Amino acid sequence: MSRKNAYLSGFLKLKQEKRRENYIMKDEKSEISKIGKKTEKFCLTIRKEFSIITHALWNA
């Protein structure tokens, strides 16, 4: 009986560790996507401003 309990407790520990790793991975992925969205927004802003400046210089 103790052998079975040891096996089950080891299995449950592995399962908990796997859950913890998955939670950490999801958290890291969401952080990366937030940074990506901010970077994309920043690049679009710069592109828009550059286009305005180019138009102003071209028409001057």
Protein backbone atom coordinates (compact mmCIF):
# COMPACT_ATOMS: atom_id res chain seq x y z
CA MET A 1 0.00 0.00 0.00
CA SER A 2 2.83 2.44 0.81
CA ARG A 3 4.39 1.84 -2.59
CA LYS A 4 1.12 2.88 -4.23
CA ASN A 5 0.88 5.99 -2.03
CA ALA A 6 4.46 6.96 -2.85
CA TYR A 7 3.73 6.59 -6.55
CA LEU A 8 0.55 8.69 -6.28
CA SER A 9 2.21 11.44 -4.26
CA GLY A 10 5.08 11.60 -6.76
CA PHE A 11 2.60 11.76 -9.61
CA LEU A 12 0.66 14.57 -7.92
CA LYS A 13 3.86 16.52 -7.28
CA LEU A 14 4.81 16.24 -10.95
CA LYS A 15 1.33 17.35 -11.96
CA GLN A 16 1.50 20.40 -9.66
CA GLU A 17 4.94 21.32 -10.99
CA LYS A 18 3.67 21.04 -14.56
CA ARG A 19 0.74 23.35 -13.73
CA ARG A 20 3.10 25.86 -12.17
CA GLU A 21 5.35 25.81 -15.26
CA ASN A 22 2.35 26.29 -17.56
CA TYR A 23 1.16 29.25 -15.47
CA ILE A 24 4.62 30.86 -15.62
CA MET A 25 4.83 30.29 -19.39
CA LYS A 26 1.41 31.90 -19.94
CA ASP A 27 2.47 34.87 -17.83
CA GLU A 28 5.71 35.29 -19.82
CA LYS A 29 3.86 35.01 -23.13
CA SER A 30 1.38 37.70 -22.09
CA GLU A 31 4.27 40.00 -21.09
CA ILE A 32 5.96 39.43 -24.45
CA SER A 33 2.73 40.14 -26.34
CA LYS A 34 2.21 43.37 -24.33
CA ILE A 35 5.72 44.52 -25.23
CA GLY A 36 5.12 43.57 -28.87
CA LYS A 37 1.89 45.57 -29.01
CA LYS A 38 3.56 48.63 -27.46
CA THR A 39 6.45 48.37 -29.92
CA GLU A 40 4.09 48.02 -32.88
CA LYS A 41 2.09 51.06 -31.75
CA PHE A 42 5.30 53.07 -31.32
CA CYS A 43 6.51 52.10 -34.81
CA LEU A 44 3.18 53.11 -36.36
CA THR A 45 3.37 56.48 -34.59
CA ILE A 46 6.89 57.11 -35.87
CA ARG A 47 5.90 56.08 -39.39
CA LYS A 48 2.91 58.44 -39.29
CA GLU A 49 5.03 61.36 -38.02
CA PHE A 50 7.71 60.66 -40.63
CA SER A 51 5.07 60.68 -43.35
CA ILE A 52 3.74 64.06 -42.13
CA ILE A 53 7.26 65.54 -42.06
CA THR A 54 8.03 64.15 -45.53
CA HIS A 55 4.82 65.65 -46.91
CA ALA A 56 5.59 69.02 -45.35
CA LEU A 57 9.12 69.06 -46.78
CA TRP A 58 7.95 67.84 -50.19
CA ASN A 59 5.27 70.52 -50.45
CA ALA A 60 7.47 73.36 -49.13
